[in-house]
Amino acid sequence: QVQLAESGGGLVQSGGSLRLSCAGSGIIFSSTGMGWYRQAPGKQRELVAFISVGGFTLYADSVKDRFTIFRNNAQKTVSLRMNSLKPEDTAIYYCNAGGTLRTPAGQYWGQGTQVTVSS
């Protein structure tokens, strides 16, 4: 059974930083593309960042140069470092597994973690 467990969400002031982590189990982590998505109230879920098996990364334009995705295959974790946070980054952030560079959305999802950025 695949499980993705997110952690690290919370409340932060505008301009602040947070780091999200996702621990994966039930998958061959080192052979699995991993990503982060987010969904704000009233909006569709959107890709934030993706990292391939080979370490190639994709970012949404809105987070480029502010967010960094990285993976640790030994610990089976994928993390998202978020700097210079803005109120519009407020959303539930979901860990995703199983995607590729061509199709970043994989079939496995975590439960989500809330990120709230106050102005």
Protein backbone atom coordinates (compact mmCIF):
# COMPACT_ATOMS: atom_id res chain seq x y z
CA GLN A 1 0.00 0.00 0.00
CA VAL A 2 1.41 3.35 -1.05
CA GLN A 3 1.49 6.00 1.63
CA LEU A 4 2.67 9.59 1.32
CA ALA A 5 2.89 11.50 4.57
CA GLU A 6 3.34 15.26 4.40
CA SER A 7 4.62 17.44 7.21
CA GLY A 8 5.84 20.97 7.76
CA GLY A 9 2.85 23.11 6.94
CA GLY A 10 1.73 25.97 9.12
CA LEU A 11 1.18 29.69 9.45
CA VAL A 12 3.87 32.11 8.36
CA GLN A 13 4.07 35.82 7.68
CA SER A 14 4.53 37.19 4.20
CA GLY A 15 8.19 37.03 3.25
CA GLY A 16 8.84 34.09 5.52
CA SER A 17 9.95 30.54 4.79
CA LEU A 18 8.66 27.03 5.30
CA ARG A 19 9.91 23.59 4.44
CA LEU A 20 7.50 20.80 3.56
CA SER A 21 8.52 17.16 3.64
CA CYS A 22 6.89 14.03 2.31
CA ALA A 23 7.83 10.53 3.36
CA GLY A 24 6.95 7.79 0.91
CA SER A 25 6.37 4.11 1.57
CA GLY A 26 5.05 1.23 -0.48
CA ILE A 27 6.87 2.45 -3.59
CA ILE A 28 10.36 2.03 -5.00
CA PHE A 29 11.15 5.60 -4.08
CA SER A 30 14.35 5.95 -6.07
CA SER A 31 12.49 4.94 -9.24
CA THR A 32 9.52 7.24 -8.71
CA GLY A 33 8.97 10.79 -9.88
CA MET A 34 7.80 13.02 -7.04
CA GLY A 35 5.96 16.28 -6.98
CA TRP A 36 4.14 18.89 -4.96
CA TYR A 37 0.76 20.29 -5.87
CA ARG A 38 -1.42 22.84 -4.16
CA GLN A 39 -5.07 23.77 -4.06
CA ALA A 40 -6.36 27.09 -2.83
CA PRO A 41 -10.02 27.61 -1.90
CA GLY A 42 -12.17 27.85 -4.99
CA LYS A 43 -9.31 26.99 -7.33
CA GLN A 44 -8.15 23.91 -9.14
CA ARG A 45 -5.24 21.86 -7.89
CA GLU A 46 -2.06 22.97 -9.61
CA LEU A 47 1.48 21.74 -10.00
CA VAL A 48 3.98 23.55 -7.80
CA ALA A 49 7.16 21.55 -8.42
CA PHE A 50 8.26 18.17 -9.71
CA ILE A 51 11.49 16.22 -9.50
CA SER A 52 12.22 13.28 -11.75
CA VAL A 53 14.06 10.07 -10.97
CA GLY A 54 17.15 11.62 -12.52
CA GLY A 55 16.83 14.83 -10.54
CA PHE A 56 15.42 17.07 -13.26
CA THR A 57 13.00 19.65 -11.90
CA LEU A 58 9.94 21.55 -13.05
CA TYR A 59 8.42 24.57 -11.35
CA ALA A 60 5.29 26.62 -11.75
CA ASP A 61 6.16 30.08 -13.01
CA SER A 62 4.64 31.60 -9.89
CA VAL A 63 7.15 29.88 -7.60
CA LYS A 64 10.34 29.87 -9.69
CA ASP A 65 13.32 31.34 -7.84
CA ARG A 66 11.41 31.10 -4.54
CA PHE A 67 10.74 27.39 -4.10
CA THR A 68 13.17 24.47 -4.35
CA ILE A 69 12.25 20.81 -4.58
CA PHE A 70 14.76 18.14 -3.61
CA ARG A 71 14.72 14.46 -2.84
CA ASN A 72 16.61 12.10 -0.57
CA ASN A 73 16.31 8.59 -1.92
CA ALA A 74 18.05 7.03 1.08
CA GLN A 75 15.47 8.52 3.44
CA LYS A 76 12.63 8.17 0.91
CA THR A 77 11.65 11.78 1.26
CA VAL A 78 10.90 14.68 -1.04
CA SER A 79 10.99 18.20 0.32
CA LEU A 80 9.90 21.62 -0.79
CA ARG A 81 11.79 24.61 0.47
CA MET A 82 9.60 27.71 0.20
CA ASN A 83 11.13 31.15 0.56
CA SER A 84 9.72 34.66 0.16
CA LEU A 85 6.23 33.36 0.77
CA LYS A 86 3.29 35.43 -0.38
CA PRO A 87 -0.36 35.42 0.71
CA GLU A 88 -1.24 33.91 -2.67
CA ASP A 89 0.82 30.84 -1.75
CA THR A 90 -1.84 30.00 0.83
CA ALA A 91 -3.24 26.57 -0.03
CA ILE A 92 -3.32 22.93 0.90
CA TYR A 93 -0.12 21.36 -0.40
CA TYR A 94 -0.19 17.76 -1.58
CA CYS A 95 2.64 15.34 -2.14
CA ASN A 96 2.35 13.32 -5.34
CA ALA A 97 4.13 10.23 -6.59
CA GLY A 98 4.38 8.38 -9.86
CA GLY A 99 4.63 11.18 -12.38
CA THR A 100 7.13 11.83 -15.16
CA LEU A 101 8.59 14.96 -16.70
CA ARG A 102 6.05 14.64 -19.51
CA THR A 103 3.16 13.90 -17.19
CA PRO A 104 4.08 15.16 -13.71
CA ALA A 105 0.83 14.12 -12.04
CA GLY A 106 1.24 10.60 -10.71
CA GLN A 107 -1.44 8.35 -9.36
CA TYR A 108 -0.60 8.57 -5.67
CA TRP A 109 -1.49 11.45 -3.38
CA GLY A 110 -0.88 12.39 0.20
CA GLN A 111 -3.53 13.80 2.50
CA GLY A 112 -2.23 17.35 2.23
CA THR A 113 -0.81 19.92 4.60
CA GLN A 114 -2.12 23.45 5.07
CA VAL A 115 0.13 26.42 4.36
CA THR A 116 -1.20 29.82 5.35
CA VAL A 117 0.69 33.02 4.59
CA SER A 118 -0.54 36.11 6.38
CA SER A 119 -0.08 39.58 4.93
